[in-house]
N, C-alpha and C. Protein backbone atom coordinates (compact mmCIF):
# COMPACT_ATOMS: atom_id res chain seq x y z
N MET A 1 83.43 24.98 94.84
CA MET A 1 82.60 25.91 94.07
C MET A 1 82.45 27.21 94.85
N SER A 2 82.71 28.32 94.22
CA SER A 2 82.66 29.63 94.86
C SER A 2 81.22 30.06 95.10
N PRO A 3 80.95 30.66 96.27
CA PRO A 3 79.60 31.15 96.54
C PRO A 3 79.27 32.34 95.63
N VAL A 4 77.97 32.51 95.37
CA VAL A 4 77.48 33.61 94.54
C VAL A 4 76.72 34.57 95.44
N SER A 5 76.98 35.86 95.27
CA SER A 5 76.20 36.87 95.97
C SER A 5 75.80 37.96 94.97
N ILE A 6 74.63 38.51 95.21
CA ILE A 6 74.11 39.60 94.39
C ILE A 6 73.76 40.72 95.35
N GLN A 7 74.34 41.89 95.12
CA GLN A 7 74.12 43.00 96.04
C GLN A 7 74.09 44.33 95.31
N GLN A 8 73.47 45.30 95.97
CA GLN A 8 73.47 46.66 95.43
C GLN A 8 74.89 47.20 95.53
N SER A 9 75.34 47.87 94.48
CA SER A 9 76.72 48.32 94.39
C SER A 9 76.80 49.72 93.80
N ASP A 10 77.95 50.31 93.96
CA ASP A 10 78.24 51.60 93.35
C ASP A 10 78.71 51.35 91.92
N PRO A 11 77.98 51.85 90.92
CA PRO A 11 78.39 51.61 89.53
C PRO A 11 79.71 52.27 89.14
N THR A 12 80.20 53.19 89.98
CA THR A 12 81.48 53.83 89.67
C THR A 12 82.65 53.15 90.39
N HIS A 13 82.37 52.07 91.11
CA HIS A 13 83.44 51.29 91.73
C HIS A 13 84.27 50.66 90.59
N PRO A 14 85.59 50.55 90.73
CA PRO A 14 86.42 50.02 89.64
C PRO A 14 85.97 48.67 89.08
N ALA A 15 85.52 47.75 89.93
CA ALA A 15 85.07 46.44 89.42
C ALA A 15 83.81 46.59 88.57
N ALA A 16 82.90 47.45 88.99
CA ALA A 16 81.68 47.69 88.22
C ALA A 16 82.01 48.42 86.92
N LEU A 17 82.90 49.39 87.00
CA LEU A 17 83.30 50.12 85.79
C LEU A 17 83.92 49.18 84.75
N ARG A 18 84.69 48.20 85.20
CA ARG A 18 85.28 47.23 84.26
C ARG A 18 84.18 46.46 83.53
N LEU A 19 83.16 46.02 84.26
CA LEU A 19 82.05 45.30 83.63
C LEU A 19 81.31 46.18 82.64
N ILE A 20 81.00 47.41 83.04
CA ILE A 20 80.29 48.33 82.17
C ILE A 20 81.11 48.60 80.91
N GLN A 21 82.43 48.74 81.04
CA GLN A 21 83.29 48.96 79.88
C GLN A 21 83.32 47.72 78.97
N GLN A 22 83.35 46.53 79.56
CA GLN A 22 83.30 45.30 78.76
C GLN A 22 81.99 45.23 77.98
N LEU A 23 80.88 45.57 78.63
CA LEU A 23 79.59 45.57 77.96
C LEU A 23 79.57 46.60 76.84
N ASP A 24 80.05 47.80 77.11
CA ASP A 24 80.11 48.84 76.06
C ASP A 24 80.94 48.38 74.87
N ASP A 25 82.11 47.82 75.15
CA ASP A 25 82.99 47.35 74.08
C ASP A 25 82.28 46.30 73.23
N TYR A 26 81.61 45.38 73.88
CA TYR A 26 80.89 44.31 73.18
C TYR A 26 79.77 44.90 72.31
N LEU A 27 78.95 45.75 72.90
CA LEU A 27 77.82 46.32 72.15
C LEU A 27 78.30 47.21 71.00
N ASN A 28 79.37 47.95 71.22
CA ASN A 28 79.90 48.81 70.17
C ASN A 28 80.50 48.02 69.01
N ARG A 29 80.89 46.78 69.26
CA ARG A 29 81.40 45.92 68.17
C ARG A 29 80.27 45.36 67.31
N ILE A 30 79.10 45.14 67.90
CA ILE A 30 78.05 44.44 67.14
C ILE A 30 76.89 45.33 66.67
N TYR A 31 76.81 46.56 67.18
CA TYR A 31 75.72 47.45 66.77
C TYR A 31 76.26 48.82 66.37
N PRO A 32 75.56 49.50 65.45
CA PRO A 32 75.96 50.88 65.12
C PRO A 32 75.70 51.80 66.31
N PRO A 33 76.46 52.88 66.43
CA PRO A 33 76.34 53.77 67.60
C PRO A 33 74.91 54.26 67.88
N GLU A 34 74.16 54.55 66.84
CA GLU A 34 72.80 55.08 67.04
C GLU A 34 71.84 54.03 67.60
N SER A 35 72.25 52.76 67.59
CA SER A 35 71.40 51.70 68.13
C SER A 35 71.81 51.27 69.53
N ASN A 36 72.84 51.88 70.07
CA ASN A 36 73.27 51.58 71.44
C ASN A 36 72.70 52.62 72.39
N HIS A 37 72.00 52.16 73.38
CA HIS A 37 71.36 53.04 74.37
C HIS A 37 72.08 52.83 75.70
N LEU A 38 73.31 53.30 75.74
CA LEU A 38 74.19 53.04 76.87
C LEU A 38 74.01 54.10 77.95
N MET A 39 73.79 53.66 79.16
CA MET A 39 73.64 54.56 80.29
C MET A 39 74.98 54.61 81.02
N PRO A 40 75.61 55.79 81.12
CA PRO A 40 76.91 55.88 81.77
C PRO A 40 76.83 55.51 83.26
N ALA A 41 77.95 55.06 83.79
CA ALA A 41 78.00 54.63 85.19
C ALA A 41 77.53 55.73 86.13
N GLU A 42 77.94 56.95 85.91
CA GLU A 42 77.56 58.04 86.79
C GLU A 42 76.03 58.23 86.81
N ALA A 43 75.38 58.04 85.67
CA ALA A 43 73.92 58.18 85.59
C ALA A 43 73.21 57.08 86.38
N LEU A 44 73.89 55.95 86.58
CA LEU A 44 73.30 54.84 87.33
C LEU A 44 73.29 55.09 88.84
N ARG A 45 73.84 56.20 89.29
CA ARG A 45 73.91 56.52 90.72
C ARG A 45 72.70 57.33 91.20
N GLN A 46 71.71 57.51 90.36
CA GLN A 46 70.54 58.30 90.73
C GLN A 46 69.68 57.53 91.74
N PRO A 47 68.92 58.26 92.57
CA PRO A 47 68.14 57.60 93.63
C PRO A 47 67.07 56.63 93.13
N HIS A 48 66.58 56.82 91.92
CA HIS A 48 65.53 55.93 91.40
C HIS A 48 66.10 54.72 90.66
N ILE A 49 67.41 54.50 90.78
CA ILE A 49 68.07 53.39 90.10
C ILE A 49 68.79 52.53 91.13
N GLN A 50 68.57 51.22 91.02
CA GLN A 50 69.30 50.26 91.83
C GLN A 50 70.26 49.52 90.91
N PHE A 51 71.55 49.63 91.18
CA PHE A 51 72.57 48.95 90.39
C PHE A 51 73.09 47.78 91.22
N LEU A 52 73.01 46.58 90.65
CA LEU A 52 73.41 45.36 91.35
C LEU A 52 74.60 44.72 90.66
N THR A 53 75.44 44.08 91.44
CA THR A 53 76.53 43.28 90.88
C THR A 53 76.39 41.84 91.36
N VAL A 54 76.91 40.95 90.52
CA VAL A 54 76.97 39.52 90.83
C VAL A 54 78.42 39.21 91.14
N GLN A 55 78.62 38.60 92.28
CA GLN A 55 79.98 38.24 92.69
C GLN A 55 80.05 36.74 92.86
N LYS A 56 81.05 36.13 92.25
CA LYS A 56 81.30 34.70 92.40
C LYS A 56 82.64 34.60 93.12
N GLY A 57 82.57 34.14 94.37
CA GLY A 57 83.77 34.18 95.19
C GLY A 57 84.16 35.63 95.41
N GLU A 58 85.37 35.98 95.07
CA GLU A 58 85.86 37.35 95.25
C GLU A 58 85.77 38.18 93.96
N THR A 59 85.25 37.58 92.88
CA THR A 59 85.27 38.22 91.57
C THR A 59 83.89 38.75 91.19
N VAL A 60 83.83 40.01 90.79
CA VAL A 60 82.58 40.59 90.27
C VAL A 60 82.47 40.17 88.81
N VAL A 61 81.40 39.43 88.49
CA VAL A 61 81.28 38.81 87.17
C VAL A 61 80.06 39.26 86.38
N GLY A 62 79.19 40.06 86.99
CA GLY A 62 78.00 40.49 86.28
C GLY A 62 77.36 41.69 86.94
N CYS A 63 76.43 42.30 86.20
CA CYS A 63 75.74 43.48 86.72
C CYS A 63 74.39 43.65 86.04
N GLY A 64 73.58 44.47 86.65
CA GLY A 64 72.28 44.82 86.09
C GLY A 64 71.69 45.95 86.91
N ALA A 65 70.83 46.73 86.29
CA ALA A 65 70.22 47.86 86.98
C ALA A 65 68.70 47.83 86.81
N LEU A 66 68.03 48.31 87.84
CA LEU A 66 66.59 48.50 87.81
C LEU A 66 66.33 49.99 87.88
N VAL A 67 65.71 50.52 86.83
CA VAL A 67 65.35 51.94 86.78
C VAL A 67 63.86 52.04 87.08
N ASN A 68 63.52 52.78 88.12
CA ASN A 68 62.12 52.97 88.51
C ASN A 68 61.56 54.17 87.76
N HIS A 69 60.72 53.91 86.76
CA HIS A 69 60.07 54.97 86.00
C HIS A 69 58.69 55.32 86.56
N GLY A 70 58.34 54.74 87.71
CA GLY A 70 57.05 55.02 88.32
C GLY A 70 55.96 54.09 87.84
N GLU A 71 55.64 54.17 86.56
CA GLU A 71 54.59 53.31 86.01
C GLU A 71 55.13 51.97 85.50
N TYR A 72 56.44 51.83 85.45
CA TYR A 72 57.09 50.56 85.08
C TYR A 72 58.55 50.63 85.50
N GLY A 73 59.17 49.47 85.56
CA GLY A 73 60.60 49.40 85.81
C GLY A 73 61.31 49.03 84.52
N GLU A 74 62.55 49.44 84.39
CA GLU A 74 63.33 49.10 83.20
C GLU A 74 64.64 48.43 83.64
N ILE A 75 64.97 47.34 82.96
CA ILE A 75 66.23 46.65 83.17
C ILE A 75 67.27 47.29 82.25
N LYS A 76 68.37 47.72 82.83
CA LYS A 76 69.48 48.31 82.07
C LYS A 76 70.78 47.64 82.50
N ARG A 77 71.77 47.73 81.67
CA ARG A 77 73.15 47.31 81.98
C ARG A 77 73.23 45.86 82.47
N PHE A 78 72.41 44.99 81.87
CA PHE A 78 72.36 43.57 82.24
C PHE A 78 73.49 42.85 81.51
N PHE A 79 74.41 42.27 82.28
CA PHE A 79 75.60 41.67 81.67
C PHE A 79 76.22 40.64 82.61
N ILE A 80 76.56 39.49 82.05
CA ILE A 80 77.34 38.47 82.74
C ILE A 80 78.56 38.21 81.86
N GLN A 81 79.75 38.24 82.45
CA GLN A 81 80.96 37.98 81.67
C GLN A 81 80.86 36.62 80.98
N LEU A 82 81.38 36.57 79.76
CA LEU A 82 81.27 35.38 78.91
C LEU A 82 81.70 34.10 79.61
N GLU A 83 82.82 34.13 80.30
CA GLU A 83 83.34 32.91 80.92
C GLU A 83 82.50 32.42 82.10
N PHE A 84 81.53 33.23 82.56
CA PHE A 84 80.67 32.84 83.67
C PHE A 84 79.24 32.56 83.22
N ARG A 85 79.00 32.56 81.93
CA ARG A 85 77.66 32.25 81.42
C ARG A 85 77.42 30.74 81.50
N GLY A 86 76.17 30.36 81.55
CA GLY A 86 75.82 28.95 81.65
C GLY A 86 75.77 28.46 83.08
N MET A 87 75.97 29.34 84.05
CA MET A 87 75.96 28.98 85.47
C MET A 87 74.69 29.46 86.17
N GLN A 88 73.72 29.91 85.39
CA GLN A 88 72.44 30.42 85.92
C GLN A 88 72.59 31.75 86.67
N LEU A 89 73.72 32.44 86.49
CA LEU A 89 73.91 33.72 87.17
C LEU A 89 72.97 34.79 86.63
N GLY A 90 72.74 34.77 85.32
CA GLY A 90 71.81 35.72 84.72
C GLY A 90 70.39 35.50 85.23
N VAL A 91 70.01 34.24 85.37
CA VAL A 91 68.68 33.91 85.92
C VAL A 91 68.56 34.46 87.33
N GLN A 92 69.58 34.20 88.16
CA GLN A 92 69.55 34.67 89.54
C GLN A 92 69.48 36.20 89.61
N LEU A 93 70.28 36.86 88.80
CA LEU A 93 70.29 38.33 88.79
C LEU A 93 68.93 38.88 88.37
N LEU A 94 68.37 38.32 87.32
CA LEU A 94 67.08 38.81 86.84
C LEU A 94 66.00 38.58 87.89
N GLN A 95 66.05 37.46 88.58
CA GLN A 95 65.06 37.19 89.63
C GLN A 95 65.19 38.19 90.78
N VAL A 96 66.40 38.56 91.15
CA VAL A 96 66.58 39.57 92.21
C VAL A 96 66.05 40.92 91.74
N LEU A 97 66.33 41.29 90.49
CA LEU A 97 65.81 42.55 89.96
C LEU A 97 64.27 42.55 89.96
N GLU A 98 63.68 41.41 89.59
CA GLU A 98 62.22 41.30 89.58
C GLU A 98 61.66 41.41 91.00
N THR A 99 62.32 40.79 91.97
CA THR A 99 61.88 40.87 93.37
C THR A 99 61.92 42.32 93.86
N ARG A 100 62.97 43.03 93.50
CA ARG A 100 63.08 44.43 93.90
C ARG A 100 62.00 45.28 93.22
N ALA A 101 61.71 45.01 91.97
CA ALA A 101 60.66 45.75 91.26
C ALA A 101 59.29 45.48 91.90
N THR A 102 59.06 44.24 92.28
CA THR A 102 57.80 43.89 92.95
C THR A 102 57.69 44.62 94.27
N ALA A 103 58.78 44.71 95.02
CA ALA A 103 58.78 45.43 96.30
C ALA A 103 58.47 46.91 96.12
N LEU A 104 58.79 47.44 94.95
CA LEU A 104 58.49 48.85 94.64
C LEU A 104 57.08 49.02 94.06
N HIS A 105 56.34 47.92 93.97
CA HIS A 105 54.97 47.91 93.44
C HIS A 105 54.92 48.33 91.98
N LEU A 106 55.96 48.01 91.24
CA LEU A 106 55.95 48.28 89.80
C LEU A 106 55.14 47.20 89.10
N PRO A 107 54.23 47.56 88.21
CA PRO A 107 53.37 46.56 87.58
C PRO A 107 54.06 45.68 86.55
N CYS A 108 55.17 46.19 85.97
CA CYS A 108 55.85 45.42 84.94
C CYS A 108 57.29 45.87 84.82
N LEU A 109 58.07 45.02 84.18
CA LEU A 109 59.45 45.35 83.83
C LEU A 109 59.56 45.37 82.32
N ARG A 110 60.33 46.32 81.81
CA ARG A 110 60.57 46.44 80.38
C ARG A 110 62.07 46.49 80.14
N LEU A 111 62.45 46.17 78.92
CA LEU A 111 63.87 46.23 78.56
C LEU A 111 64.01 46.37 77.06
N GLU A 112 65.19 46.82 76.68
CA GLU A 112 65.58 46.88 75.27
C GLU A 112 66.84 46.04 75.16
N SER A 113 66.81 45.10 74.21
CA SER A 113 67.99 44.28 73.93
C SER A 113 68.23 44.35 72.43
N GLY A 114 69.14 43.53 71.95
CA GLY A 114 69.47 43.60 70.53
C GLY A 114 69.29 42.28 69.81
N VAL A 115 69.09 42.39 68.52
CA VAL A 115 68.84 41.21 67.69
C VAL A 115 70.04 40.27 67.61
N PHE A 116 71.25 40.76 67.89
CA PHE A 116 72.45 39.94 67.81
C PHE A 116 72.85 39.38 69.18
N GLN A 117 71.91 39.30 70.10
CA GLN A 117 72.16 38.77 71.43
C GLN A 117 71.17 37.63 71.73
N PRO A 118 71.28 36.53 71.00
CA PRO A 118 70.30 35.44 71.16
C PRO A 118 70.29 34.84 72.55
N GLU A 119 71.44 34.81 73.24
CA GLU A 119 71.46 34.24 74.59
C GLU A 119 70.62 35.09 75.54
N ALA A 120 70.78 36.40 75.46
CA ALA A 120 70.01 37.30 76.32
C ALA A 120 68.52 37.20 75.99
N LEU A 121 68.19 37.23 74.71
CA LEU A 121 66.79 37.13 74.31
C LEU A 121 66.18 35.80 74.77
N GLY A 122 66.96 34.73 74.68
CA GLY A 122 66.49 33.43 75.14
C GLY A 122 66.24 33.42 76.63
N LEU A 123 67.15 34.02 77.40
CA LEU A 123 66.98 34.10 78.85
C LEU A 123 65.71 34.88 79.20
N PHE A 124 65.54 36.04 78.59
CA PHE A 124 64.38 36.86 78.90
C PHE A 124 63.08 36.13 78.52
N THR A 125 63.07 35.48 77.37
CA THR A 125 61.89 34.73 76.95
C THR A 125 61.59 33.59 77.92
N LYS A 126 62.63 32.86 78.29
CA LYS A 126 62.49 31.73 79.23
C LYS A 126 61.89 32.19 80.55
N LEU A 127 62.21 33.41 80.97
CA LEU A 127 61.72 33.92 82.25
C LEU A 127 60.44 34.75 82.13
N GLY A 128 59.76 34.64 80.98
CA GLY A 128 58.42 35.21 80.86
C GLY A 128 58.30 36.57 80.21
N TYR A 129 59.37 37.07 79.62
CA TYR A 129 59.30 38.35 78.92
C TYR A 129 58.79 38.11 77.50
N HIS A 130 57.99 39.04 77.02
CA HIS A 130 57.46 38.93 75.65
C HIS A 130 57.76 40.22 74.90
N ARG A 131 57.80 40.12 73.60
CA ARG A 131 58.10 41.28 72.75
C ARG A 131 56.96 42.28 72.79
N ARG A 132 57.34 43.54 72.67
CA ARG A 132 56.37 44.63 72.67
C ARG A 132 56.90 45.76 71.78
N GLU A 133 56.11 46.80 71.67
CA GLU A 133 56.51 47.99 70.90
C GLU A 133 57.53 48.80 71.71
N PRO A 134 58.24 49.73 71.05
CA PRO A 134 59.15 50.60 71.79
C PRO A 134 58.41 51.34 72.92
N PHE A 135 59.14 51.70 73.94
CA PHE A 135 58.56 52.39 75.09
C PHE A 135 59.48 53.55 75.49
N GLY A 136 58.96 54.43 76.33
CA GLY A 136 59.77 55.54 76.84
C GLY A 136 60.35 56.37 75.70
N GLN A 137 61.64 56.64 75.78
CA GLN A 137 62.31 57.46 74.78
C GLN A 137 62.81 56.66 73.57
N TYR A 138 62.62 55.35 73.59
CA TYR A 138 63.12 54.50 72.50
C TYR A 138 62.31 54.67 71.23
N GLN A 139 63.01 54.55 70.11
CA GLN A 139 62.38 54.55 68.79
C GLN A 139 62.62 53.19 68.15
N ALA A 140 61.70 52.78 67.30
CA ALA A 140 61.88 51.51 66.59
C ALA A 140 63.14 51.59 65.73
N ASN A 141 63.89 50.51 65.70
CA ASN A 141 65.03 50.40 64.79
C ASN A 141 65.27 48.92 64.53
N PRO A 142 65.92 48.57 63.44
CA PRO A 142 66.03 47.16 63.07
C PRO A 142 66.92 46.32 64.00
N TYR A 143 67.66 46.96 64.89
CA TYR A 143 68.56 46.23 65.78
C TYR A 143 68.00 46.00 67.18
N SER A 144 66.93 46.69 67.54
CA SER A 144 66.39 46.62 68.90
C SER A 144 65.24 45.63 69.01
N VAL A 145 65.20 44.98 70.16
CA VAL A 145 64.08 44.12 70.55
C VAL A 145 63.60 44.66 71.89
N PHE A 146 62.33 45.00 71.98
CA PHE A 146 61.73 45.53 73.20
C PHE A 146 60.90 44.43 73.84
N MET A 147 61.04 44.27 75.15
CA MET A 147 60.36 43.19 75.84
C MET A 147 59.76 43.71 77.14
N GLU A 148 58.78 42.93 77.65
CA GLU A 148 58.07 43.31 78.88
C GLU A 148 57.62 42.05 79.61
N LYS A 149 57.54 42.18 80.93
CA LYS A 149 56.98 41.12 81.77
C LYS A 149 56.12 41.76 82.83
N SER A 150 54.88 41.27 82.97
CA SER A 150 54.00 41.73 84.05
C SER A 150 54.46 41.08 85.34
N LEU A 151 54.41 41.85 86.41
CA LEU A 151 54.84 41.32 87.72
C LEU A 151 53.63 41.00 88.59
């Protein structure tokens, strides 16, 4: 069994870019463009953002970002490749993101996901996230689900 590591990474590294492109391709297939809130890799390089990758053995198989908005943290670009789901990698990644948010003294984490992503919604619910109203720059739309967890 290959070891798993989760570390801060450069979102413009080729392995990270491949994951971000896979996520974009997936989201663009299931949602209309106006319902996708995609943050480009270059934007993830800002000082208030921590971009993490999940590596299983030598292969980068997942990613996620923590955006520090000051009064809350936001989870962005959360993705585990399909063939690596069911291995608790998403749980591990989310727990590391939560630990980092706690270290930054953020009171809560928020996220936007989609109605056609039951696995992601199930994971977030299982780990204590609950539905809430839109936040930040987001507007209500029939495809978005907004969630929050107090830390």
